[in-house]
Amino acid sequence: MNDNAEPDCLDFIRAPKNGFVSMTQALKGGTELSLKLA
């Protein structure tokens, strides 16, 4: 779990070519929820 939202991590997770689906949840000021698609 990456709770400090490092920009390089978010860039990787949010790039469609890397196979993740991601969204920001309204928890603690914006918690990122990411799922790796098979």
PDB file of N, CA and C in Angstrom:
ATOM      1  N   MET A   1       0.842  -1.178   0.000  1.00  0.00           N
ATOM      2  CA  MET A   1       0.000   0.000   0.000  1.00  0.00           C
ATOM      3  C   MET A   1       0.883   1.235   0.000  1.00  0.00           C
ATOM      4  N   ASN A   2       0.627   2.110  -0.926  1.00  0.00           N
ATOM      5  CA  ASN A   2       1.389   3.347  -1.026  1.00  0.00           C
ATOM      6  C   ASN A   2       0.496   4.489  -0.551  1.00  0.00           C
ATOM      7  N   ASP A   3       0.655   4.893   0.699  1.00  0.00           N
ATOM      8  CA  ASP A   3      -0.247   5.901   1.252  1.00  0.00           C
ATOM      9  C   ASP A   3       0.230   7.335   1.099  1.00  0.00           C
ATOM     10  N   ASN A   4       1.347   7.551   0.436  1.00  0.00           N
ATOM     11  CA  ASN A   4       1.821   8.925   0.273  1.00  0.00           C
ATOM     12  C   ASN A   4       1.669   9.430  -1.158  1.00  0.00           C
ATOM     13  N   ALA A   5       1.028   8.663  -2.017  1.00  0.00           N
ATOM     14  CA  ALA A   5       0.693   9.079  -3.382  1.00  0.00           C
ATOM     15  C   ALA A   5       1.885   9.670  -4.134  1.00  0.00           C
ATOM     16  N   GLU A   6       2.965   8.937  -4.199  1.00  0.00           N
ATOM     17  CA  GLU A   6       4.134   9.401  -4.939  1.00  0.00           C
ATOM     18  C   GLU A   6       3.770   9.533  -6.418  1.00  0.00           C
ATOM     19  N   PRO A   7       4.100  10.672  -7.036  1.00  0.00           N
ATOM     20  CA  PRO A   7       3.705  10.911  -8.426  1.00  0.00           C
ATOM     21  C   PRO A   7       4.142   9.821  -9.407  1.00  0.00           C
ATOM     22  N   ASP A   8       5.349   9.272  -9.258  1.00  0.00           N
ATOM     23  CA  ASP A   8       5.792   8.248 -10.206  1.00  0.00           C
ATOM     24  C   ASP A   8       4.960   6.980 -10.082  1.00  0.00           C
ATOM     25  N   CYS A   9       4.531   6.649  -8.895  1.00  0.00           N
ATOM     26  CA  CYS A   9       3.669   5.480  -8.682  1.00  0.00           C
ATOM     27  C   CYS A   9       2.297   5.732  -9.311  1.00  0.00           C
ATOM     28  N   LEU A  10       1.728   6.892  -9.061  1.00  0.00           N
ATOM     29  CA  LEU A  10       0.421   7.213  -9.628  1.00  0.00           C
ATOM     30  C   LEU A  10       0.474   7.258 -11.149  1.00  0.00           C
ATOM     31  N   ASP A  11       1.533   7.792 -11.714  1.00  0.00           N
ATOM     32  CA  ASP A  11       1.683   7.823 -13.171  1.00  0.00           C
ATOM     33  C   ASP A  11       1.690   6.415 -13.741  1.00  0.00           C
ATOM     34  N   PHE A  12       2.401   5.498 -13.087  1.00  0.00           N
ATOM     35  CA  PHE A  12       2.469   4.111 -13.542  1.00  0.00           C
ATOM     36  C   PHE A  12       1.096   3.445 -13.447  1.00  0.00           C
ATOM     37  N   ILE A  13       0.445   3.600 -12.302  1.00  0.00           N
ATOM     38  CA  ILE A  13      -0.856   2.972 -12.067  1.00  0.00           C
ATOM     39  C   ILE A  13      -1.915   3.509 -13.029  1.00  0.00           C
ATOM     40  N   ARG A  14      -1.878   4.788 -13.309  1.00  0.00           N
ATOM     41  CA  ARG A  14      -2.911   5.427 -14.135  1.00  0.00           C
ATOM     42  C   ARG A  14      -2.686   5.275 -15.633  1.00  0.00           C
ATOM     43  N   ALA A  15      -1.523   4.799 -16.056  1.00  0.00           N
ATOM     44  CA  ALA A  15      -1.253   4.596 -17.483  1.00  0.00           C
ATOM     45  C   ALA A  15      -1.972   3.326 -17.952  1.00  0.00           C
ATOM     46  N   PRO A  16      -2.917   3.433 -18.875  1.00  0.00           N
ATOM     47  CA  PRO A  16      -3.703   2.276 -19.316  1.00  0.00           C
ATOM     48  C   PRO A  16      -2.860   1.091 -19.790  1.00  0.00           C
ATOM     49  N   LYS A  17      -1.704   1.340 -20.372  1.00  0.00           N
ATOM     50  CA  LYS A  17      -0.871   0.252 -20.895  1.00  0.00           C
ATOM     51  C   LYS A  17      -0.360  -0.688 -19.802  1.00  0.00           C
ATOM     52  N   ASN A  18      -0.402  -0.270 -18.535  1.00  0.00           N
ATOM     53  CA  ASN A  18       0.107  -1.096 -17.437  1.00  0.00           C
ATOM     54  C   ASN A  18      -0.950  -2.019 -16.832  1.00  0.00           C
ATOM     55  N   GLY A  19      -2.190  -1.939 -17.338  1.00  0.00           N
ATOM     56  CA  GLY A  19      -3.219  -2.896 -16.962  1.00  0.00           C
ATOM     57  C   GLY A  19      -3.917  -2.679 -15.633  1.00  0.00           C
ATOM     58  N   PHE A  20      -3.886  -1.463 -15.115  1.00  0.00           N
ATOM     59  CA  PHE A  20      -4.569  -1.172 -13.858  1.00  0.00           C
ATOM     60  C   PHE A  20      -5.834  -0.355 -14.110  1.00  0.00           C
ATOM     61  N   VAL A  21      -6.804  -0.518 -13.240  1.00  0.00           N
ATOM     62  CA  VAL A  21      -7.962   0.365 -13.157  1.00  0.00           C
ATOM     63  C   VAL A  21      -7.830   1.051 -11.812  1.00  0.00           C
ATOM     64  N   SER A  22      -7.966   2.370 -11.810  1.00  0.00           N
ATOM     65  CA  SER A  22      -7.700   3.119 -10.591  1.00  0.00           C
ATOM     66  C   SER A  22      -8.710   4.241 -10.424  1.00  0.00           C
ATOM     67  N   MET A  23      -9.043   4.524  -9.169  1.00  0.00           N
ATOM     68  CA  MET A  23      -9.916   5.653  -8.868  1.00  0.00           C
ATOM     69  C   MET A  23      -9.581   6.185  -7.485  1.00  0.00           C
ATOM     70  N   THR A  24      -9.882   7.454  -7.269  1.00  0.00           N
ATOM     71  CA  THR A  24      -9.638   8.075  -5.972  1.00  0.00           C
ATOM     72  C   THR A  24     -10.897   7.969  -5.123  1.00  0.00           C
ATOM     73  N   GLN A  25     -10.738   7.444  -3.921  1.00  0.00           N
ATOM     74  CA  GLN A  25     -11.831   7.311  -2.959  1.00  0.00           C
ATOM     75  C   GLN A  25     -11.816   8.515  -2.016  1.00  0.00           C
ATOM     76  N   ALA A  26     -12.957   8.883  -1.517  1.00  0.00           N
ATOM     77  CA  ALA A  26     -13.060  10.022  -0.592  1.00  0.00           C
ATOM     78  C   ALA A  26     -12.784   9.567   0.845  1.00  0.00           C
ATOM     79  N   LEU A  27     -11.603   9.049   1.074  1.00  0.00           N
ATOM     80  CA  LEU A  27     -11.168   8.601   2.396  1.00  0.00           C
ATOM     81  C   LEU A  27      -9.871   9.310   2.744  1.00  0.00           C
ATOM     82  N   LYS A  28      -9.773   9.866   3.916  1.00  0.00           N
ATOM     83  CA  LYS A  28      -8.545  10.532   4.366  1.00  0.00           C
ATOM     84  C   LYS A  28      -8.004  11.512   3.323  1.00  0.00           C
ATOM     85  N   GLY A  29      -8.848  12.273   2.712  1.00  0.00           N
ATOM     86  CA  GLY A  29      -8.402  13.275   1.761  1.00  0.00           C
ATOM     87  C   GLY A  29      -8.083  12.751   0.379  1.00  0.00           C
ATOM     88  N   GLY A  30      -8.431  11.522   0.068  1.00  0.00           N
ATOM     89  CA  GLY A  30      -8.228  10.982  -1.274  1.00  0.00           C
ATOM     90  C   GLY A  30      -7.338   9.760  -1.294  1.00  0.00           C
ATOM     91  N   THR A  31      -7.918   8.599  -1.076  1.00  0.00           N
ATOM     92  CA  THR A  31      -7.184   7.340  -1.107  1.00  0.00           C
ATOM     93  C   THR A  31      -7.335   6.716  -2.488  1.00  0.00           C
ATOM     94  N   GLU A  32      -6.238   6.338  -3.101  1.00  0.00           N
ATOM     95  CA  GLU A  32      -6.247   5.735  -4.427  1.00  0.00           C
ATOM     96  C   GLU A  32      -6.529   4.241  -4.303  1.00  0.00           C
ATOM     97  N   LEU A  33      -7.544   3.772  -5.039  1.00  0.00           N
ATOM     98  CA  LEU A  33      -7.875   2.353  -5.098  1.00  0.00           C
ATOM     99  C   LEU A  33      -7.505   1.867  -6.485  1.00  0.00           C
ATOM    100  N   SER A  34      -6.606   0.886  -6.567  1.00  0.00           N
ATOM    101  CA  SER A  34      -6.127   0.383  -7.851  1.00  0.00           C
ATOM    102  C   SER A  34      -6.265  -1.123  -7.905  1.00  0.00           C
ATOM    103  N   LEU A  35      -6.710  -1.621  -9.058  1.00  0.00           N
ATOM    104  CA  LEU A  35      -6.842  -3.055  -9.288  1.00  0.00           C
ATOM    105  C   LEU A  35      -6.077  -3.431 -10.539  1.00  0.00           C
ATOM    106  N   LYS A  36      -5.317  -4.510 -10.470  1.00  0.00           N
ATOM    107  CA  LYS A  36      -4.587  -5.024 -11.631  1.00  0.00           C
ATOM    108  C   LYS A  36      -5.510  -5.984 -12.366  1.00  0.00           C
ATOM    109  N   LEU A  37      -5.741  -5.728 -13.642  1.00  0.00           N
ATOM    110  CA  LEU A  37      -6.588  -6.596 -14.449  1.00  0.00           C
ATOM    111  C   LEU A  37      -5.757  -7.720 -15.039  1.00  0.00           C
ATOM    112  N   ALA A  38      -6.327  -8.907 -15.039  1.00  0.00           N
ATOM    113  CA  ALA A  38      -5.611 -10.073 -15.577  1.00  0.00           C
ATOM    114  C   ALA A  38      -5.771 -10.160 -17.072  1.00  0.00           C
TER     115      ALA A  38
END
